[in-house]
N, C-alpha and C. Protein backbone atom coordinates (compact mmCIF):
# COMPACT_ATOMS: atom_id res chain seq x y z
N MET A 1 1.64 -29.88 15.50
CA MET A 1 3.08 -29.86 15.23
C MET A 1 3.45 -31.11 14.45
N ASP A 2 4.17 -30.94 13.35
CA ASP A 2 4.62 -32.08 12.55
C ASP A 2 5.61 -32.91 13.35
N LYS A 3 5.42 -34.24 13.27
CA LYS A 3 6.30 -35.13 14.00
C LYS A 3 7.37 -35.75 13.07
N TYR A 4 7.17 -35.61 11.77
CA TYR A 4 8.01 -36.33 10.82
C TYR A 4 9.52 -36.09 11.04
N TYR A 5 9.92 -34.88 11.26
CA TYR A 5 11.37 -34.58 11.35
C TYR A 5 11.94 -34.83 12.74
N HIS A 6 11.16 -35.43 13.62
CA HIS A 6 11.62 -35.56 15.02
C HIS A 6 12.04 -36.97 15.40
N THR A 7 12.15 -37.87 14.41
CA THR A 7 12.69 -39.19 14.68
C THR A 7 13.95 -39.40 13.86
N LYS A 8 14.84 -40.21 14.38
CA LYS A 8 16.11 -40.45 13.67
C LYS A 8 15.84 -41.08 12.31
N GLU A 9 14.85 -42.00 12.26
CA GLU A 9 14.52 -42.69 11.01
C GLU A 9 14.01 -41.74 9.95
N SER A 10 13.12 -40.84 10.33
CA SER A 10 12.54 -39.90 9.35
C SER A 10 13.59 -38.91 8.87
N VAL A 11 14.49 -38.49 9.76
CA VAL A 11 15.55 -37.58 9.33
C VAL A 11 16.48 -38.28 8.36
N GLU A 12 16.84 -39.53 8.63
CA GLU A 12 17.69 -40.28 7.70
C GLU A 12 16.99 -40.46 6.34
N GLU A 13 15.68 -40.74 6.39
CA GLU A 13 14.90 -40.91 5.16
C GLU A 13 14.88 -39.59 4.37
N TYR A 14 14.65 -38.46 5.07
CA TYR A 14 14.60 -37.17 4.39
C TYR A 14 15.96 -36.84 3.78
N ILE A 15 17.04 -37.09 4.47
CA ILE A 15 18.37 -36.80 3.95
C ILE A 15 18.61 -37.55 2.65
N LYS A 16 18.16 -38.81 2.58
CA LYS A 16 18.31 -39.58 1.33
C LYS A 16 17.45 -38.99 0.23
N LEU A 17 16.20 -38.64 0.56
CA LEU A 17 15.29 -38.08 -0.45
C LEU A 17 15.78 -36.74 -1.00
N ALA A 18 16.39 -35.93 -0.14
CA ALA A 18 16.80 -34.58 -0.54
C ALA A 18 18.23 -34.51 -1.04
N ARG A 19 18.90 -35.64 -1.11
CA ARG A 19 20.32 -35.68 -1.45
C ARG A 19 20.67 -34.90 -2.72
N ASP A 20 19.82 -34.96 -3.74
CA ASP A 20 20.14 -34.33 -5.02
C ASP A 20 19.50 -32.94 -5.19
N HIS A 21 19.01 -32.38 -4.08
CA HIS A 21 18.34 -31.08 -4.17
C HIS A 21 19.03 -30.06 -3.26
N ASP A 22 19.21 -28.88 -3.79
CA ASP A 22 19.72 -27.78 -2.95
C ASP A 22 19.13 -26.49 -3.49
N GLY A 23 19.35 -25.42 -2.75
CA GLY A 23 18.80 -24.12 -3.12
C GLY A 23 19.78 -23.24 -3.87
N ASN A 24 20.79 -23.83 -4.48
CA ASN A 24 21.85 -23.03 -5.13
C ASN A 24 21.31 -22.00 -6.13
N GLN A 25 20.33 -22.39 -6.93
CA GLN A 25 19.79 -21.44 -7.93
C GLN A 25 19.18 -20.22 -7.26
N ASN A 26 18.61 -20.41 -6.04
CA ASN A 26 18.02 -19.29 -5.32
C ASN A 26 19.06 -18.54 -4.48
N ILE A 27 20.08 -19.23 -4.02
CA ILE A 27 21.16 -18.57 -3.28
C ILE A 27 21.92 -17.63 -4.21
N ILE A 28 22.07 -18.02 -5.47
CA ILE A 28 22.68 -17.13 -6.48
C ILE A 28 21.89 -15.82 -6.57
N ARG A 29 20.56 -15.94 -6.56
CA ARG A 29 19.69 -14.73 -6.58
C ARG A 29 19.85 -13.92 -5.32
N LEU A 30 19.92 -14.59 -4.16
CA LEU A 30 20.10 -13.89 -2.89
C LEU A 30 21.37 -13.03 -2.91
N LYS A 31 22.42 -13.56 -3.51
CA LYS A 31 23.71 -12.84 -3.54
C LYS A 31 23.63 -11.53 -4.31
N GLU A 32 22.60 -11.38 -5.16
CA GLU A 32 22.41 -10.11 -5.88
C GLU A 32 21.97 -9.00 -4.93
N PHE A 33 21.41 -9.37 -3.78
CA PHE A 33 20.82 -8.38 -2.87
C PHE A 33 21.49 -8.33 -1.49
N LEU A 34 22.11 -9.42 -1.06
CA LEU A 34 22.73 -9.46 0.26
C LEU A 34 24.24 -9.60 0.09
N PRO A 35 25.01 -8.59 0.54
CA PRO A 35 26.45 -8.61 0.32
C PRO A 35 27.16 -9.76 1.04
N ALA A 36 28.23 -10.22 0.45
CA ALA A 36 29.04 -11.26 1.07
C ALA A 36 29.52 -10.77 2.43
N GLY A 37 29.67 -11.67 3.36
CA GLY A 37 30.13 -11.34 4.71
C GLY A 37 29.01 -10.93 5.66
N SER A 38 27.76 -10.87 5.15
CA SER A 38 26.63 -10.49 5.98
C SER A 38 26.32 -11.60 6.99
N ASP A 39 25.67 -11.21 8.10
CA ASP A 39 25.18 -12.17 9.09
C ASP A 39 23.83 -12.69 8.62
N LEU A 40 23.71 -14.01 8.52
CA LEU A 40 22.51 -14.62 7.94
C LEU A 40 21.99 -15.70 8.86
N LEU A 41 20.68 -15.73 9.06
CA LEU A 41 20.01 -16.81 9.76
C LEU A 41 19.34 -17.69 8.74
N GLU A 42 19.63 -19.00 8.80
CA GLU A 42 18.89 -19.94 7.98
C GLU A 42 17.86 -20.61 8.88
N ILE A 43 16.60 -20.51 8.48
CA ILE A 43 15.50 -21.18 9.19
C ILE A 43 15.36 -22.55 8.60
N GLY A 44 15.43 -23.59 9.45
CA GLY A 44 15.22 -24.96 8.97
C GLY A 44 16.39 -25.47 8.13
N SER A 45 17.52 -25.61 8.75
CA SER A 45 18.72 -26.04 8.00
C SER A 45 18.68 -27.50 7.58
N GLY A 46 17.85 -28.31 8.25
CA GLY A 46 17.71 -29.71 7.83
C GLY A 46 19.03 -30.43 7.72
N PRO A 47 19.31 -31.06 6.57
CA PRO A 47 20.56 -31.80 6.41
C PRO A 47 21.81 -30.92 6.34
N GLY A 48 21.64 -29.61 6.09
CA GLY A 48 22.78 -28.72 6.03
C GLY A 48 23.28 -28.43 4.62
N THR A 49 22.57 -28.93 3.62
CA THR A 49 23.01 -28.72 2.24
C THR A 49 23.13 -27.25 1.88
N ASP A 50 22.06 -26.50 2.13
CA ASP A 50 22.08 -25.06 1.83
C ASP A 50 22.96 -24.31 2.80
N TRP A 51 22.98 -24.73 4.08
CA TRP A 51 23.85 -24.08 5.07
C TRP A 51 25.29 -24.08 4.58
N LYS A 52 25.71 -25.20 4.04
CA LYS A 52 27.09 -25.32 3.56
C LYS A 52 27.35 -24.34 2.40
N ILE A 53 26.41 -24.22 1.44
CA ILE A 53 26.56 -23.30 0.33
C ILE A 53 26.56 -21.87 0.82
N LEU A 54 25.60 -21.55 1.71
CA LEU A 54 25.49 -20.19 2.24
C LEU A 54 26.72 -19.77 3.01
N SER A 55 27.31 -20.72 3.75
CA SER A 55 28.45 -20.38 4.59
C SER A 55 29.73 -20.09 3.80
N GLU A 56 29.70 -20.36 2.50
CA GLU A 56 30.82 -19.97 1.63
C GLU A 56 30.87 -18.47 1.43
N SER A 57 29.70 -17.79 1.61
CA SER A 57 29.62 -16.34 1.37
C SER A 57 29.23 -15.53 2.60
N TYR A 58 28.56 -16.19 3.56
CA TYR A 58 27.99 -15.45 4.68
C TYR A 58 28.41 -16.05 6.02
N HIS A 59 28.22 -15.25 7.08
CA HIS A 59 28.36 -15.74 8.46
C HIS A 59 26.98 -16.30 8.83
N VAL A 60 26.84 -17.61 8.74
CA VAL A 60 25.51 -18.23 8.84
C VAL A 60 25.30 -18.88 10.21
N VAL A 61 24.16 -18.55 10.80
CA VAL A 61 23.67 -19.30 11.95
C VAL A 61 22.57 -20.19 11.40
N GLY A 62 22.81 -21.50 11.43
CA GLY A 62 21.78 -22.44 11.01
C GLY A 62 20.81 -22.67 12.15
N SER A 63 19.63 -23.17 11.83
CA SER A 63 18.66 -23.46 12.87
C SER A 63 17.76 -24.60 12.43
N ASP A 64 17.18 -25.24 13.41
CA ASP A 64 16.13 -26.23 13.17
C ASP A 64 15.35 -26.43 14.44
N PHE A 65 14.14 -26.92 14.30
CA PHE A 65 13.30 -27.21 15.47
C PHE A 65 13.32 -28.70 15.77
N SER A 66 14.01 -29.46 14.94
CA SER A 66 14.15 -30.90 15.14
C SER A 66 15.46 -31.19 15.84
N LYS A 67 15.37 -31.81 16.99
CA LYS A 67 16.59 -32.18 17.74
C LYS A 67 17.43 -33.15 16.92
N GLU A 68 16.78 -34.03 16.14
CA GLU A 68 17.51 -34.99 15.32
C GLU A 68 18.30 -34.29 14.20
N PHE A 69 17.70 -33.27 13.57
CA PHE A 69 18.45 -32.53 12.57
C PHE A 69 19.58 -31.74 13.21
N LEU A 70 19.35 -31.18 14.39
CA LEU A 70 20.42 -30.46 15.07
C LEU A 70 21.59 -31.37 15.40
N LYS A 71 21.31 -32.60 15.84
CA LYS A 71 22.38 -33.58 16.09
C LYS A 71 23.17 -33.86 14.82
N HIS A 72 22.43 -34.05 13.72
CA HIS A 72 23.07 -34.31 12.43
C HIS A 72 23.97 -33.12 12.02
N LEU A 73 23.43 -31.92 12.11
CA LEU A 73 24.17 -30.71 11.71
C LEU A 73 25.44 -30.56 12.53
N GLN A 74 25.34 -30.74 13.83
CA GLN A 74 26.51 -30.60 14.71
C GLN A 74 27.55 -31.67 14.46
N ALA A 75 27.09 -32.86 14.06
CA ALA A 75 28.03 -33.94 13.76
C ALA A 75 28.77 -33.71 12.45
N TYR A 76 28.04 -33.21 11.43
CA TYR A 76 28.65 -33.03 10.11
C TYR A 76 29.37 -31.70 9.94
N PHE A 77 28.95 -30.70 10.74
CA PHE A 77 29.57 -29.38 10.63
C PHE A 77 29.95 -28.91 12.03
N PRO A 78 30.97 -29.56 12.63
CA PRO A 78 31.30 -29.27 14.04
C PRO A 78 31.74 -27.83 14.30
N ASP A 79 32.18 -27.11 13.28
CA ASP A 79 32.57 -25.72 13.46
C ASP A 79 31.42 -24.76 13.20
N GLY A 80 30.28 -25.29 12.79
CA GLY A 80 29.12 -24.45 12.49
C GLY A 80 28.37 -24.03 13.74
N GLU A 81 27.58 -22.98 13.60
CA GLU A 81 26.75 -22.50 14.71
C GLU A 81 25.29 -22.79 14.36
N PHE A 82 24.62 -23.52 15.27
CA PHE A 82 23.25 -23.94 15.03
C PHE A 82 22.40 -23.67 16.24
N ALA A 83 21.16 -23.21 16.02
CA ALA A 83 20.27 -22.88 17.11
C ALA A 83 18.99 -23.70 16.99
N ASP A 84 18.42 -24.01 18.15
CA ASP A 84 17.13 -24.69 18.24
C ASP A 84 16.05 -23.64 18.18
N LEU A 85 15.48 -23.43 16.97
CA LEU A 85 14.50 -22.37 16.78
C LEU A 85 13.23 -22.87 16.10
N ASP A 86 12.10 -22.47 16.63
CA ASP A 86 10.80 -22.69 16.01
C ASP A 86 10.64 -21.59 14.97
N ALA A 87 10.29 -21.98 13.73
CA ALA A 87 10.18 -21.03 12.63
C ALA A 87 9.13 -19.98 12.87
N SER A 88 8.12 -20.28 13.69
CA SER A 88 7.04 -19.30 13.88
C SER A 88 7.38 -18.25 14.95
N THR A 89 8.21 -18.63 15.95
CA THR A 89 8.51 -17.68 17.04
C THR A 89 9.90 -17.09 16.95
N LEU A 90 10.84 -17.81 16.37
CA LEU A 90 12.22 -17.33 16.22
C LEU A 90 12.72 -16.66 17.49
N ASP A 91 12.72 -17.41 18.54
CA ASP A 91 13.05 -16.87 19.87
C ASP A 91 14.57 -16.75 20.03
N THR A 92 15.08 -15.58 19.60
CA THR A 92 16.51 -15.30 19.66
C THR A 92 16.70 -13.83 19.99
N ASP A 93 17.80 -13.51 20.68
CA ASP A 93 18.14 -12.12 20.97
C ASP A 93 19.03 -11.50 19.89
N ARG A 94 19.45 -12.31 18.96
CA ARG A 94 20.38 -11.84 17.92
C ARG A 94 19.64 -11.12 16.80
N THR A 95 20.39 -10.31 16.08
CA THR A 95 19.85 -9.69 14.87
C THR A 95 20.71 -10.10 13.68
N PHE A 96 20.14 -9.99 12.49
CA PHE A 96 20.80 -10.49 11.29
C PHE A 96 20.60 -9.51 10.12
N ASP A 97 21.48 -9.63 9.14
CA ASP A 97 21.35 -8.84 7.91
C ASP A 97 20.41 -9.54 6.92
N GLY A 98 20.29 -10.83 7.06
CA GLY A 98 19.43 -11.60 6.15
C GLY A 98 18.87 -12.83 6.84
N ILE A 99 17.73 -13.30 6.34
CA ILE A 99 17.09 -14.52 6.80
C ILE A 99 16.70 -15.33 5.57
N TYR A 100 17.04 -16.62 5.61
CA TYR A 100 16.84 -17.50 4.45
C TYR A 100 16.15 -18.76 4.88
N SER A 101 15.25 -19.27 4.03
CA SER A 101 14.71 -20.62 4.21
C SER A 101 14.38 -21.21 2.85
N ASN A 102 14.53 -22.50 2.75
CA ASN A 102 14.24 -23.21 1.52
C ASN A 102 13.19 -24.27 1.82
N LYS A 103 11.96 -24.01 1.40
CA LYS A 103 10.85 -24.94 1.56
C LYS A 103 10.69 -25.33 3.03
N VAL A 104 10.65 -24.35 3.89
CA VAL A 104 10.44 -24.59 5.32
C VAL A 104 9.17 -23.91 5.80
N LEU A 105 8.96 -22.67 5.42
CA LEU A 105 7.85 -21.88 5.94
C LEU A 105 6.49 -22.41 5.45
N HIS A 106 6.48 -23.24 4.42
CA HIS A 106 5.20 -23.82 3.95
C HIS A 106 4.65 -24.86 4.94
N HIS A 107 5.44 -25.22 5.93
CA HIS A 107 4.92 -26.13 6.98
C HIS A 107 4.13 -25.38 8.04
N LEU A 108 4.08 -24.06 7.94
CA LEU A 108 3.34 -23.26 8.93
C LEU A 108 1.95 -22.93 8.43
N GLU A 109 0.97 -23.02 9.29
CA GLU A 109 -0.37 -22.54 8.97
C GLU A 109 -0.32 -21.03 8.85
N ASP A 110 -1.31 -20.43 8.23
CA ASP A 110 -1.28 -18.99 7.91
C ASP A 110 -0.96 -18.13 9.13
N GLU A 111 -1.62 -18.36 10.25
CA GLU A 111 -1.41 -17.54 11.43
C GLU A 111 0.01 -17.64 11.94
N ALA A 112 0.58 -18.85 11.95
CA ALA A 112 1.97 -19.03 12.38
C ALA A 112 2.96 -18.40 11.38
N LEU A 113 2.63 -18.45 10.10
CA LEU A 113 3.48 -17.83 9.08
C LEU A 113 3.47 -16.30 9.26
N GLU A 114 2.30 -15.75 9.53
CA GLU A 114 2.23 -14.29 9.78
C GLU A 114 3.05 -13.91 11.00
N ALA A 115 3.02 -14.73 12.05
CA ALA A 115 3.83 -14.47 13.25
C ALA A 115 5.31 -14.55 12.92
N SER A 116 5.68 -15.52 12.08
CA SER A 116 7.08 -15.66 11.69
C SER A 116 7.57 -14.44 10.92
N ILE A 117 6.75 -13.98 9.98
CA ILE A 117 7.15 -12.80 9.19
C ILE A 117 7.30 -11.57 10.08
N LYS A 118 6.39 -11.40 11.02
CA LYS A 118 6.50 -10.29 11.98
C LYS A 118 7.79 -10.39 12.78
N ARG A 119 8.10 -11.60 13.24
CA ARG A 119 9.31 -11.81 14.05
C ARG A 119 10.58 -11.60 13.21
N GLN A 120 10.53 -12.02 11.95
CA GLN A 120 11.67 -11.81 11.07
C GLN A 120 11.95 -10.31 10.90
N PHE A 121 10.90 -9.54 10.75
CA PHE A 121 11.04 -8.08 10.66
C PHE A 121 11.75 -7.55 11.92
N GLU A 122 11.39 -8.07 13.08
CA GLU A 122 11.93 -7.59 14.34
C GLU A 122 13.42 -7.92 14.53
N ILE A 123 13.85 -9.08 14.02
CA ILE A 123 15.23 -9.49 14.25
C ILE A 123 16.17 -9.15 13.08
N LEU A 124 15.64 -8.48 12.07
CA LEU A 124 16.48 -8.05 10.96
C LEU A 124 17.02 -6.65 11.23
N ASN A 125 18.28 -6.44 10.88
CA ASN A 125 18.89 -5.12 10.90
C ASN A 125 18.22 -4.23 9.84
N PRO A 126 18.39 -2.90 9.94
CA PRO A 126 17.89 -2.02 8.89
C PRO A 126 18.39 -2.47 7.52
N ASP A 127 17.54 -2.37 6.51
CA ASP A 127 17.84 -2.80 5.14
C ASP A 127 18.02 -4.34 5.05
N GLY A 128 17.55 -5.08 6.05
CA GLY A 128 17.69 -6.53 6.04
C GLY A 128 16.91 -7.15 4.90
N ILE A 129 17.39 -8.34 4.51
CA ILE A 129 16.83 -9.07 3.35
C ILE A 129 16.27 -10.41 3.81
N VAL A 130 15.09 -10.77 3.31
CA VAL A 130 14.57 -12.13 3.49
C VAL A 130 14.59 -12.83 2.13
N CYS A 131 14.83 -14.12 2.18
CA CYS A 131 14.84 -14.93 0.97
C CYS A 131 14.20 -16.27 1.34
N HIS A 132 13.01 -16.54 0.78
CA HIS A 132 12.26 -17.76 1.13
C HIS A 132 11.69 -18.41 -0.11
N THR A 133 11.59 -19.72 -0.06
CA THR A 133 10.93 -20.46 -1.13
C THR A 133 9.71 -21.19 -0.57
N PHE A 134 8.72 -21.34 -1.45
CA PHE A 134 7.45 -21.98 -1.11
C PHE A 134 7.03 -22.88 -2.26
N TRP A 135 6.21 -23.88 -1.94
CA TRP A 135 5.56 -24.64 -2.98
C TRP A 135 4.41 -23.77 -3.52
N ARG A 136 4.28 -23.75 -4.84
CA ARG A 136 3.24 -22.93 -5.48
C ARG A 136 1.96 -23.75 -5.63
N GLY A 137 0.86 -23.10 -5.31
CA GLY A 137 -0.44 -23.75 -5.46
C GLY A 137 -1.44 -23.13 -4.52
N GLU A 138 -2.54 -23.81 -4.33
CA GLU A 138 -3.59 -23.34 -3.44
C GLU A 138 -3.95 -24.42 -2.43
N ASP A 139 -4.52 -23.98 -1.33
CA ASP A 139 -4.97 -24.87 -0.26
C ASP A 139 -3.79 -25.45 0.52
N SER A 140 -4.06 -26.50 1.24
CA SER A 140 -3.04 -27.18 2.03
C SER A 140 -3.36 -28.66 2.08
N GLU A 141 -2.40 -29.46 2.55
CA GLU A 141 -2.62 -30.89 2.67
C GLU A 141 -1.68 -31.47 3.71
N ILE A 142 -1.95 -32.66 4.12
CA ILE A 142 -1.04 -33.42 4.94
C ILE A 142 -0.34 -34.40 4.01
N TYR A 143 0.97 -34.24 3.87
CA TYR A 143 1.74 -35.10 2.97
C TYR A 143 2.83 -35.78 3.78
N ASN A 144 2.79 -37.11 3.84
CA ASN A 144 3.81 -37.88 4.58
C ASN A 144 3.88 -37.40 6.04
N ASP A 145 2.70 -37.23 6.64
CA ASP A 145 2.58 -36.77 8.04
C ASP A 145 3.04 -35.32 8.24
N LEU A 146 3.20 -34.56 7.18
CA LEU A 146 3.64 -33.16 7.28
C LEU A 146 2.56 -32.24 6.75
N PHE A 147 2.30 -31.16 7.44
CA PHE A 147 1.41 -30.13 6.94
C PHE A 147 2.13 -29.34 5.86
N VAL A 148 1.49 -29.17 4.69
CA VAL A 148 2.06 -28.40 3.60
C VAL A 148 1.03 -27.35 3.19
N ASN A 149 1.44 -26.10 3.26
CA ASN A 149 0.58 -24.95 2.94
C ASN A 149 1.09 -24.39 1.62
N TYR A 150 0.26 -24.51 0.57
CA TYR A 150 0.65 -23.99 -0.75
C TYR A 150 0.34 -22.51 -0.86
N HIS A 151 1.09 -21.81 -1.73
CA HIS A 151 0.92 -20.36 -1.85
C HIS A 151 0.94 -19.93 -3.30
N THR A 152 0.26 -18.80 -3.56
CA THR A 152 0.30 -18.14 -4.88
C THR A 152 1.21 -16.93 -4.74
N ASP A 153 1.62 -16.39 -5.88
CA ASP A 153 2.47 -15.18 -5.80
C ASP A 153 1.67 -14.03 -5.18
N ALA A 154 0.38 -13.91 -5.47
CA ALA A 154 -0.44 -12.84 -4.88
C ALA A 154 -0.54 -13.04 -3.35
N GLY A 155 -0.70 -14.29 -2.94
CA GLY A 155 -0.77 -14.57 -1.50
C GLY A 155 0.51 -14.25 -0.79
N ILE A 156 1.63 -14.55 -1.40
CA ILE A 156 2.94 -14.25 -0.83
C ILE A 156 3.12 -12.75 -0.70
N ARG A 157 2.76 -12.01 -1.76
CA ARG A 157 2.88 -10.54 -1.71
C ARG A 157 2.08 -9.99 -0.53
N THR A 158 0.86 -10.49 -0.36
CA THR A 158 -0.02 -10.02 0.71
C THR A 158 0.58 -10.32 2.08
N LEU A 159 1.13 -11.52 2.26
CA LEU A 159 1.71 -11.91 3.53
C LEU A 159 2.86 -10.99 3.95
N PHE A 160 3.67 -10.59 3.00
CA PHE A 160 4.89 -9.84 3.30
C PHE A 160 4.71 -8.31 3.19
N GLU A 161 3.66 -7.85 2.51
CA GLU A 161 3.58 -6.45 2.08
C GLU A 161 3.63 -5.42 3.21
N ASP A 162 3.17 -5.73 4.41
CA ASP A 162 3.18 -4.74 5.50
C ASP A 162 4.59 -4.47 6.03
N ARG A 163 5.49 -5.43 5.87
CA ARG A 163 6.80 -5.31 6.50
C ARG A 163 7.98 -5.35 5.54
N PHE A 164 7.74 -5.82 4.30
CA PHE A 164 8.83 -5.99 3.34
C PHE A 164 8.42 -5.46 1.97
N ASP A 165 9.41 -4.85 1.30
CA ASP A 165 9.25 -4.45 -0.11
C ASP A 165 9.80 -5.57 -0.97
N PRO A 166 9.01 -6.07 -1.92
CA PRO A 166 9.50 -7.17 -2.74
C PRO A 166 10.64 -6.71 -3.67
N LEU A 167 11.69 -7.50 -3.70
CA LEU A 167 12.81 -7.24 -4.62
C LEU A 167 12.76 -8.21 -5.79
N LEU A 168 12.27 -9.41 -5.54
CA LEU A 168 12.19 -10.44 -6.58
C LEU A 168 11.16 -11.48 -6.18
N ILE A 169 10.24 -11.75 -7.07
CA ILE A 169 9.32 -12.85 -6.92
C ILE A 169 9.35 -13.61 -8.25
N ARG A 170 9.71 -14.88 -8.20
CA ARG A 170 9.79 -15.63 -9.46
C ARG A 170 9.36 -17.08 -9.22
N PHE A 171 8.82 -17.67 -10.27
CA PHE A 171 8.50 -19.08 -10.24
C PHE A 171 9.74 -19.82 -10.73
N TYR A 172 9.93 -21.01 -10.19
CA TYR A 172 11.03 -21.84 -10.66
C TYR A 172 10.66 -23.31 -10.57
N LYS A 173 11.48 -24.17 -11.07
CA LYS A 173 11.22 -25.59 -11.13
C LYS A 173 12.03 -26.33 -10.06
N GLU A 174 11.29 -27.03 -9.18
CA GLU A 174 11.97 -27.97 -8.28
C GLU A 174 11.82 -29.39 -8.88
N PHE A 175 10.57 -29.78 -9.16
CA PHE A 175 10.30 -31.04 -9.82
C PHE A 175 9.58 -30.84 -11.17
N GLU A 176 8.67 -29.85 -11.20
CA GLU A 176 7.92 -29.52 -12.41
C GLU A 176 8.00 -28.04 -12.67
N ASP A 177 7.89 -27.62 -13.93
CA ASP A 177 7.96 -26.20 -14.27
C ASP A 177 6.99 -25.39 -13.40
N GLY A 178 7.54 -24.34 -12.77
CA GLY A 178 6.70 -23.40 -12.01
C GLY A 178 6.08 -23.95 -10.76
N ASP A 179 6.61 -25.02 -10.20
CA ASP A 179 5.98 -25.60 -9.01
C ASP A 179 6.40 -24.89 -7.71
N SER A 180 7.33 -23.94 -7.82
CA SER A 180 7.89 -23.28 -6.64
C SER A 180 7.95 -21.77 -6.83
N ILE A 181 7.96 -21.05 -5.70
CA ILE A 181 8.04 -19.59 -5.70
C ILE A 181 9.23 -19.16 -4.87
N LEU A 182 10.02 -18.26 -5.41
CA LEU A 182 11.10 -17.60 -4.67
C LEU A 182 10.64 -16.19 -4.35
N TYR A 183 10.75 -15.82 -3.09
CA TYR A 183 10.44 -14.45 -2.64
C TYR A 183 11.69 -13.87 -1.99
N ILE A 184 12.13 -12.72 -2.49
CA ILE A 184 13.19 -11.95 -1.84
C ILE A 184 12.66 -10.57 -1.56
N GLY A 185 12.74 -10.13 -0.32
CA GLY A 185 12.21 -8.82 0.06
C GLY A 185 13.18 -8.08 0.98
N GLU A 186 13.00 -6.76 1.03
CA GLU A 186 13.81 -5.90 1.89
C GLU A 186 12.94 -5.33 2.98
N LYS A 187 13.50 -5.33 4.18
CA LYS A 187 12.79 -4.77 5.34
C LYS A 187 12.40 -3.32 5.06
N LYS A 188 11.12 -3.00 5.31
CA LYS A 188 10.66 -1.63 5.12
C LYS A 188 11.25 -0.75 6.20
N LYS A 189 11.39 0.52 5.86
CA LYS A 189 11.88 1.49 6.84
C LYS A 189 10.80 1.81 7.86
N GLY A 190 11.16 2.04 9.10
CA GLY A 190 10.19 2.42 10.11
C GLY A 190 9.40 1.25 10.62
N GLN A 191 8.31 1.54 11.29
CA GLN A 191 7.47 0.49 11.88
C GLN A 191 6.37 0.10 10.92
N PRO A 192 6.01 -1.19 10.91
CA PRO A 192 4.93 -1.64 10.03
C PRO A 192 3.58 -1.12 10.53
N SER A 193 2.63 -1.05 9.62
CA SER A 193 1.30 -0.59 10.01
C SER A 193 0.51 -1.67 10.74
């Protein structure tokens, strides 16, 4: 389990590092597939930058597995709803029309990511939409005490294909051209194989 996001100092450091970054370019794409007013779960809300943008269009439940980030979110967005959720187990009784994450699921090893995708399928309403971003590449590394699992577009397709139909897969630039992947998929009808 990554410890980086679990201290006040590391959370403050991350908030400063991420200050000029948000998922707006990908949220615009999400809006093409998920109607305004939908119930949306954000996995890994972190500083709340994307949560704030998402909540302009959706009924958003933010979440994080870091108690420090949850304290920050509740302090800055006192009217917001936030849950203490592990991205791999998503232990909630609620269901949603959409699930969103921005550079969160790449912290999961393959087995935990597969469990997360299965759980996302279970807590999505019929015709539910997922929207996730990943770092593009191969292999994995420990970066700044964090596990980072890189993915290819073929690998992403394979991970999601049993439970989701791809609506959009595109490369985009976070720091360098094509360093990131956006995946938007729709929950398949019926039970997965």
